[in-house]
PDB file of N, CA and C in Angstrom:
ATOM      1  N   MET A   1      77.285 -80.544  46.980  1.00  0.00           N
ATOM      2  CA  MET A   1      75.950 -80.200  46.525  1.00  0.00           C
ATOM      3  C   MET A   1      75.499 -78.919  47.222  1.00  0.00           C
ATOM      4  N   ALA A   2      74.811 -78.088  46.488  1.00  0.00           N
ATOM      5  CA  ALA A   2      74.332 -76.813  47.018  1.00  0.00           C
ATOM      6  C   ALA A   2      73.004 -77.002  47.745  1.00  0.00           C
ATOM      7  N   ARG A   3      72.765 -76.159  48.705  1.00  0.00           N
ATOM      8  CA  ARG A   3      71.479 -76.128  49.408  1.00  0.00           C
ATOM      9  C   ARG A   3      70.535 -75.208  48.635  1.00  0.00           C
ATOM     10  N   ILE A   4      69.244 -75.389  48.838  1.00  0.00           N
ATOM     11  CA  ILE A   4      68.244 -74.631  48.095  1.00  0.00           C
ATOM     12  C   ILE A   4      68.453 -73.113  48.206  1.00  0.00           C
ATOM     13  N   PRO A   5      68.687 -72.547  49.387  1.00  0.00           N
ATOM     14  CA  PRO A   5      68.902 -71.084  49.438  1.00  0.00           C
ATOM     15  C   PRO A   5      70.106 -70.623  48.609  1.00  0.00           C
ATOM     16  N   GLU A   6      71.101 -71.477  48.453  1.00  0.00           N
ATOM     17  CA  GLU A   6      72.276 -71.118  47.663  1.00  0.00           C
ATOM     18  C   GLU A   6      71.943 -71.019  46.177  1.00  0.00           C
ATOM     19  N   PHE A   7      70.955 -71.772  45.694  1.00  0.00           N
ATOM     20  CA  PHE A   7      70.545 -71.694  44.300  1.00  0.00           C
ATOM     21  C   PHE A   7      70.011 -70.305  43.969  1.00  0.00           C
ATOM     22  N   ARG A   8      69.352 -69.665  44.904  1.00  0.00           N
ATOM     23  CA  ARG A   8      68.758 -68.343  44.675  1.00  0.00           C
ATOM     24  C   ARG A   8      69.814 -67.257  44.509  1.00  0.00           C
ATOM     25  N   GLN A   9      71.041 -67.526  44.887  1.00  0.00           N
ATOM     26  CA  GLN A   9      72.114 -66.543  44.797  1.00  0.00           C
ATOM     27  C   GLN A   9      72.918 -66.690  43.511  1.00  0.00           C
ATOM     28  N   ARG A  10      72.538 -67.619  42.644  1.00  0.00           N
ATOM     29  CA  ARG A  10      73.271 -67.867  41.406  1.00  0.00           C
ATOM     30  C   ARG A  10      72.440 -67.425  40.211  1.00  0.00           C
ATOM     31  N   GLU A  11      73.068 -66.667  39.335  1.00  0.00           N
ATOM     32  CA  GLU A  11      72.370 -66.196  38.149  1.00  0.00           C
ATOM     33  C   GLU A  11      72.242 -67.326  37.139  1.00  0.00           C
ATOM     34  N   VAL A  12      71.092 -67.381  36.460  1.00  0.00           N
ATOM     35  CA  VAL A  12      70.832 -68.402  35.456  1.00  0.00           C
ATOM     36  C   VAL A  12      71.078 -67.789  34.077  1.00  0.00           C
ATOM     37  N   VAL A  13      71.904 -68.473  33.257  1.00  0.00           N
ATOM     38  CA  VAL A  13      72.248 -67.990  31.926  1.00  0.00           C
ATOM     39  C   VAL A  13      71.983 -69.097  30.912  1.00  0.00           C
ATOM     40  N   ASP A  14      71.325 -68.735  29.804  1.00  0.00           N
ATOM     41  CA  ASP A  14      71.056 -69.680  28.716  1.00  0.00           C
ATOM     42  C   ASP A  14      72.271 -69.699  27.794  1.00  0.00           C
ATOM     43  N   VAL A  15      72.951 -70.838  27.676  1.00  0.00           N
ATOM     44  CA  VAL A  15      74.153 -70.923  26.853  1.00  0.00           C
ATOM     45  C   VAL A  15      73.834 -70.846  25.358  1.00  0.00           C
ATOM     46  N   ALA A  16      72.621 -71.175  24.961  1.00  0.00           N
ATOM     47  CA  ALA A  16      72.246 -71.133  23.548  1.00  0.00           C
ATOM     48  C   ALA A  16      72.191 -69.704  23.025  1.00  0.00           C
ATOM     49  N   THR A  17      71.761 -68.762  23.879  1.00  0.00           N
ATOM     50  CA  THR A  17      71.607 -67.369  23.448  1.00  0.00           C
ATOM     51  C   THR A  17      72.529 -66.408  24.190  1.00  0.00           C
ATOM     52  N   GLY A  18      73.115 -66.847  25.300  1.00  0.00           N
ATOM     53  CA  GLY A  18      73.933 -65.972  26.130  1.00  0.00           C
ATOM     54  C   GLY A  18      73.104 -65.037  26.989  1.00  0.00           C
ATOM     55  N   ARG A  19      71.797 -65.212  26.959  1.00  0.00           N
ATOM     56  CA  ARG A  19      70.873 -64.338  27.688  1.00  0.00           C
ATOM     57  C   ARG A  19      70.877 -64.650  29.183  1.00  0.00           C
ATOM     58  N   ARG A  20      70.920 -63.596  29.983  1.00  0.00           N
ATOM     59  CA  ARG A  20      70.788 -63.741  31.432  1.00  0.00           C
ATOM     60  C   ARG A  20      69.305 -63.843  31.751  1.00  0.00           C
ATOM     61  N   LEU A  21      68.909 -64.907  32.412  1.00  0.00           N
ATOM     62  CA  LEU A  21      67.503 -65.138  32.704  1.00  0.00           C
ATOM     63  C   LEU A  21      67.087 -64.618  34.070  1.00  0.00           C
ATOM     64  N   GLY A  22      68.035 -64.458  34.962  1.00  0.00           N
ATOM     65  CA  GLY A  22      67.731 -63.968  36.301  1.00  0.00           C
ATOM     66  C   GLY A  22      68.136 -64.976  37.362  1.00  0.00           C
ATOM     67  N   TYR A  23      67.460 -64.909  38.477  1.00  0.00           N
ATOM     68  CA  TYR A  23      67.775 -65.765  39.620  1.00  0.00           C
ATOM     69  C   TYR A  23      66.578 -66.665  39.926  1.00  0.00           C
ATOM     70  N   ILE A  24      66.839 -67.858  40.391  1.00  0.00           N
ATOM     71  CA  ILE A  24      65.783 -68.823  40.697  1.00  0.00           C
ATOM     72  C   ILE A  24      64.881 -68.272  41.801  1.00  0.00           C
ATOM     73  N   CYS A  25      63.571 -68.365  41.549  1.00  0.00           N
ATOM     74  CA  CYS A  25      62.604 -67.887  42.539  1.00  0.00           C
ATOM     75  C   CYS A  25      61.793 -69.034  43.143  1.00  0.00           C
ATOM     76  N   ASP A  26      61.798 -70.196  42.466  1.00  0.00           N
ATOM     77  CA  ASP A  26      60.990 -71.313  42.950  1.00  0.00           C
ATOM     78  C   ASP A  26      61.544 -72.617  42.390  1.00  0.00           C
ATOM     79  N   MET A  27      61.218 -73.714  43.041  1.00  0.00           N
ATOM     80  CA  MET A  27      61.619 -75.047  42.590  1.00  0.00           C
ATOM     81  C   MET A  27      60.447 -75.999  42.734  1.00  0.00           C
ATOM     82  N   GLU A  28      60.377 -76.945  41.816  1.00  0.00           N
ATOM     83  CA  GLU A  28      59.390 -78.021  41.942  1.00  0.00           C
ATOM     84  C   GLU A  28      60.155 -79.290  42.310  1.00  0.00           C
ATOM     85  N   ILE A  29      59.744 -79.920  43.395  1.00  0.00           N
ATOM     86  CA  ILE A  29      60.423 -81.112  43.890  1.00  0.00           C
ATOM     87  C   ILE A  29      59.446 -82.279  43.876  1.00  0.00           C
ATOM     88  N   ASP A  30      59.897 -83.407  43.361  1.00  0.00           N
ATOM     89  CA  ASP A  30      59.077 -84.621  43.356  1.00  0.00           C
ATOM     90  C   ASP A  30      59.013 -85.141  44.791  1.00  0.00           C
ATOM     91  N   PRO A  31      57.818 -85.194  45.397  1.00  0.00           N
ATOM     92  CA  PRO A  31      57.710 -85.599  46.804  1.00  0.00           C
ATOM     93  C   PRO A  31      58.080 -87.065  47.052  1.00  0.00           C
ATOM     94  N   GLU A  32      57.960 -87.894  46.027  1.00  0.00           N
ATOM     95  CA  GLU A  32      58.286 -89.317  46.206  1.00  0.00           C
ATOM     96  C   GLU A  32      59.783 -89.582  46.187  1.00  0.00           C
ATOM     97  N   THR A  33      60.513 -88.872  45.305  1.00  0.00           N
ATOM     98  CA  THR A  33      61.945 -89.123  45.177  1.00  0.00           C
ATOM     99  C   THR A  33      62.798 -88.074  45.877  1.00  0.00           C
ATOM    100  N   GLY A  34      62.203 -86.889  46.121  1.00  0.00           N
ATOM    101  CA  GLY A  34      62.964 -85.804  46.722  1.00  0.00           C
ATOM    102  C   GLY A  34      63.865 -85.091  45.729  1.00  0.00           C
ATOM    103  N   ARG A  35      63.732 -85.414  44.446  1.00  0.00           N
ATOM    104  CA  ARG A  35      64.573 -84.803  43.406  1.00  0.00           C
ATOM    105  C   ARG A  35      63.920 -83.545  42.851  1.00  0.00           C
ATOM    106  N   ILE A  36      64.758 -82.615  42.418  1.00  0.00           N
ATOM    107  CA  ILE A  36      64.273 -81.394  41.794  1.00  0.00           C
ATOM    108  C   ILE A  36      63.807 -81.732  40.385  1.00  0.00           C
ATOM    109  N   VAL A  37      62.580 -81.330  40.042  1.00  0.00           N
ATOM    110  CA  VAL A  37      62.001 -81.574  38.726  1.00  0.00           C
ATOM    111  C   VAL A  37      62.250 -80.371  37.821  1.00  0.00           C
ATOM    112  N   SER A  38      62.064 -79.161  38.369  1.00  0.00           N
ATOM    113  CA  SER A  38      62.264 -77.948  37.588  1.00  0.00           C
ATOM    114  C   SER A  38      62.539 -76.775  38.515  1.00  0.00           C
ATOM    115  N   VAL A  39      63.054 -75.705  37.920  1.00  0.00           N
ATOM    116  CA  VAL A  39      63.263 -74.456  38.634  1.00  0.00           C
ATOM    117  C   VAL A  39      62.546 -73.352  37.870  1.00  0.00           C
ATOM    118  N   SER A  40      62.186 -72.278  38.554  1.00  0.00           N
ATOM    119  CA  SER A  40      61.506 -71.154  37.920  1.00  0.00           C
ATOM    120  C   SER A  40      62.321 -69.888  38.102  1.00  0.00           C
ATOM    121  N   VAL A  41      62.321 -69.081  37.036  1.00  0.00           N
ATOM    122  CA  VAL A  41      62.994 -67.786  37.041  1.00  0.00           C
ATOM    123  C   VAL A  41      61.951 -66.746  36.645  1.00  0.00           C
ATOM    124  N   PRO A  42      61.847 -65.620  37.373  1.00  0.00           N
ATOM    125  CA  PRO A  42      60.860 -64.603  37.001  1.00  0.00           C
ATOM    126  C   PRO A  42      61.131 -64.080  35.594  1.00  0.00           C
ATOM    127  N   SER A  43      60.067 -63.651  34.923  1.00  0.00           N
ATOM    128  CA  SER A  43      60.196 -63.183  33.544  1.00  0.00           C
ATOM    129  C   SER A  43      61.014 -61.908  33.422  1.00  0.00           C
ATOM    130  N   GLY A  44      61.114 -61.130  34.481  1.00  0.00           N
ATOM    131  CA  GLY A  44      61.925 -59.926  34.444  1.00  0.00           C
ATOM    132  C   GLY A  44      61.125 -58.648  34.315  1.00  0.00           C
ATOM    133  N   ARG A  45      59.908 -58.717  33.826  1.00  0.00           N
ATOM    134  CA  ARG A  45      59.085 -57.520  33.730  1.00  0.00           C
ATOM    135  C   ARG A  45      58.384 -57.312  35.059  1.00  0.00           C
ATOM    136  N   LEU A  46      58.329 -56.080  35.514  1.00  0.00           N
ATOM    137  CA  LEU A  46      57.818 -55.762  36.843  1.00  0.00           C
ATOM    138  C   LEU A  46      56.408 -56.278  37.063  1.00  0.00           C
ATOM    139  N   PHE A  47      55.468 -55.923  36.192  1.00  0.00           N
ATOM    140  CA  PHE A  47      54.082 -56.337  36.396  1.00  0.00           C
ATOM    141  C   PHE A  47      53.926 -57.843  36.262  1.00  0.00           C
ATOM    142  N   SER A  48      54.508 -58.410  35.209  1.00  0.00           N
ATOM    143  CA  SER A  48      54.309 -59.839  34.987  1.00  0.00           C
ATOM    144  C   SER A  48      55.064 -60.696  35.990  1.00  0.00           C
ATOM    145  N   SER A  49      56.123 -60.167  36.613  1.00  0.00           N
ATOM    146  CA  SER A  49      56.862 -60.961  37.592  1.00  0.00           C
ATOM    147  C   SER A  49      56.051 -61.158  38.872  1.00  0.00           C
ATOM    148  N   MET A  50      54.995 -60.349  39.045  1.00  0.00           N
ATOM    149  CA  MET A  50      54.126 -60.528  40.207  1.00  0.00           C
ATOM    150  C   MET A  50      53.145 -61.674  39.983  1.00  0.00           C
ATOM    151  N   MET A  51      52.998 -62.081  38.740  1.00  0.00           N
ATOM    152  CA  MET A  51      52.062 -63.150  38.398  1.00  0.00           C
ATOM    153  C   MET A  51      52.836 -64.448  38.215  1.00  0.00           C
ATOM    154  N   LYS A  52      52.447 -65.484  38.919  1.00  0.00           N
ATOM    155  CA  LYS A  52      53.157 -66.754  38.905  1.00  0.00           C
ATOM    156  C   LYS A  52      53.299 -67.330  37.498  1.00  0.00           C
ATOM    157  N   ASN A  53      52.279 -67.159  36.650  1.00  0.00           N
ATOM    158  CA  ASN A  53      52.291 -67.755  35.312  1.00  0.00           C
ATOM    159  C   ASN A  53      53.347 -67.162  34.400  1.00  0.00           C
ATOM    160  N   SER A  54      53.931 -66.032  34.755  1.00  0.00           N
ATOM    161  CA  SER A  54      54.909 -65.402  33.886  1.00  0.00           C
ATOM    162  C   SER A  54      56.329 -65.915  34.123  1.00  0.00           C
ATOM    163  N   ASP A  55      56.504 -66.785  35.088  1.00  0.00           N
ATOM    164  CA  ASP A  55      57.830 -67.335  35.360  1.00  0.00           C
ATOM    165  C   ASP A  55      58.269 -68.261  34.234  1.00  0.00           C
ATOM    166  N   THR A  56      59.577 -68.262  33.963  1.00  0.00           N
ATOM    167  CA  THR A  56      60.157 -69.209  33.019  1.00  0.00           C
ATOM    168  C   THR A  56      60.476 -70.484  33.790  1.00  0.00           C
ATOM    169  N   VAL A  57      59.887 -71.591  33.368  1.00  0.00           N
ATOM    170  CA  VAL A  57      60.117 -72.878  34.027  1.00  0.00           C
ATOM    171  C   VAL A  57      61.193 -73.625  33.251  1.00  0.00           C
ATOM    172  N   ILE A  58      62.219 -74.064  33.966  1.00  0.00           N
ATOM    173  CA  ILE A  58      63.351 -74.765  33.356  1.00  0.00           C
ATOM    174  C   ILE A  58      63.409 -76.170  33.936  1.00  0.00           C
ATOM    175  N   LEU A  59      63.267 -77.162  33.078  1.00  0.00           N
ATOM    176  CA  LEU A  59      63.356 -78.553  33.533  1.00  0.00           C
ATOM    177  C   LEU A  59      64.774 -78.852  34.006  1.00  0.00           C
ATOM    178  N   TRP A  60      64.878 -79.710  34.994  1.00  0.00           N
ATOM    179  CA  TRP A  60      66.181 -80.061  35.571  1.00  0.00           C
ATOM    180  C   TRP A  60      67.127 -80.604  34.501  1.00  0.00           C
ATOM    181  N   GLU A  61      66.597 -81.316  33.520  1.00  0.00           N
ATOM    182  CA  GLU A  61      67.422 -81.894  32.454  1.00  0.00           C
ATOM    183  C   GLU A  61      68.077 -80.826  31.587  1.00  0.00           C
ATOM    184  N   LYS A  62      67.553 -79.606  31.603  1.00  0.00           N
ATOM    185  CA  LYS A  62      68.091 -78.507  30.789  1.00  0.00           C
ATOM    186  C   LYS A  62      69.244 -77.789  31.482  1.00  0.00           C
ATOM    187  N   ILE A  63      69.483 -78.115  32.750  1.00  0.00           N
ATOM    188  CA  ILE A  63      70.603 -77.506  33.476  1.00  0.00           C
ATOM    189  C   ILE A  63      71.879 -78.246  33.089  1.00  0.00           C
ATOM    190  N   ILE A  64      72.837 -77.484  32.566  1.00  0.00           N
ATOM    191  CA  ILE A  64      74.102 -78.060  32.093  1.00  0.00           C
ATOM    192  C   ILE A  64      75.144 -78.088  33.203  1.00  0.00           C
ATOM    193  N   LYS A  65      75.268 -76.968  33.901  1.00  0.00           N
ATOM    194  CA  LYS A  65      76.334 -76.841  34.899  1.00  0.00           C
ATOM    195  C   LYS A  65      75.877 -75.914  36.013  1.00  0.00           C
ATOM    196  N   ILE A  66      76.176 -76.309  37.234  1.00  0.00           N
ATOM    197  CA  ILE A  66      75.915 -75.463  38.394  1.00  0.00           C
ATOM    198  C   ILE A  66      77.271 -75.063  38.954  1.00  0.00           C
ATOM    199  N   GLY A  67      77.607 -73.800  38.780  1.00  0.00           N
ATOM    200  CA  GLY A  67      78.882 -73.287  39.254  1.00  0.00           C
ATOM    201  C   GLY A  67      78.741 -72.588  40.588  1.00  0.00           C
ATOM    202  N   LYS A  68      79.827 -71.985  41.013  1.00  0.00           N
ATOM    203  CA  LYS A  68      79.851 -71.288  42.300  1.00  0.00           C
ATOM    204  C   LYS A  68      78.973 -70.033  42.277  1.00  0.00           C
ATOM    205  N   ASP A  69      78.918 -69.352  41.115  1.00  0.00           N
ATOM    206  CA  ASP A  69      78.183 -68.097  41.011  1.00  0.00           C
ATOM    207  C   ASP A  69      77.100 -68.108  39.935  1.00  0.00           C
ATOM    208  N   ILE A  70      77.038 -69.157  39.136  1.00  0.00           N
ATOM    209  CA  ILE A  70      76.172 -69.148  37.960  1.00  0.00           C
ATOM    210  C   ILE A  70      75.610 -70.540  37.688  1.00  0.00           C
ATOM    211  N   ILE A  71      74.437 -70.575  37.061  1.00  0.00           N
ATOM    212  CA  ILE A  71      73.835 -71.826  36.618  1.00  0.00           C
ATOM    213  C   ILE A  71      73.658 -71.726  35.106  1.00  0.00           C
ATOM    214  N   LEU A  72      74.268 -72.626  34.360  1.00  0.00           N
ATOM    215  CA  LEU A  72      74.162 -72.632  32.912  1.00  0.00           C
ATOM    216  C   LEU A  72      73.072 -73.592  32.472  1.00  0.00           C
ATOM    217  N   VAL A  73      72.191 -73.115  31.601  1.00  0.00           N
ATOM    218  CA  VAL A  73      71.098 -73.937  31.080  1.00  0.00           C
ATOM    219  C   VAL A  73      71.118 -73.876  29.560  1.00  0.00           C
ATOM    220  N   ASP A  74      70.534 -74.874  28.921  1.00  0.00           N
ATOM    221  CA  ASP A  74      70.410 -74.896  27.461  1.00  0.00           C
ATOM    222  C   ASP A  74      68.936 -75.018  27.123  1.00  0.00           C
ATOM    223  N   LEU A  75      68.333 -73.909  26.726  1.00  0.00           N
ATOM    224  CA  LEU A  75      66.898 -73.880  26.464  1.00  0.00           C
ATOM    225  C   LEU A  75      66.542 -74.054  24.996  1.00  0.00           C
ATOM    226  N   LYS A  76      67.511 -74.357  24.132  1.00  0.00           N
ATOM    227  CA  LYS A  76      67.186 -74.506  22.698  1.00  0.00           C
ATOM    228  C   LYS A  76      66.356 -75.730  22.429  1.00  0.00           C
TER     229      LYS A  76
END
């Protein structure tokens, strides 16, 4: 299992479109279970990436595979 800082070093790619989404900038963790609920990736635009609301939130269930260098998600 990867540690949280290691997730930030893996690029997130949507398998439905082949689009590179970027790198994880934040995670939401359920305090009762300690499980990851979702991850956030910045939108990619300079101005909007400074605003928290512009992040793409990906539910944990949408993550297909966590590899050594990449995280595959299905956002369809």
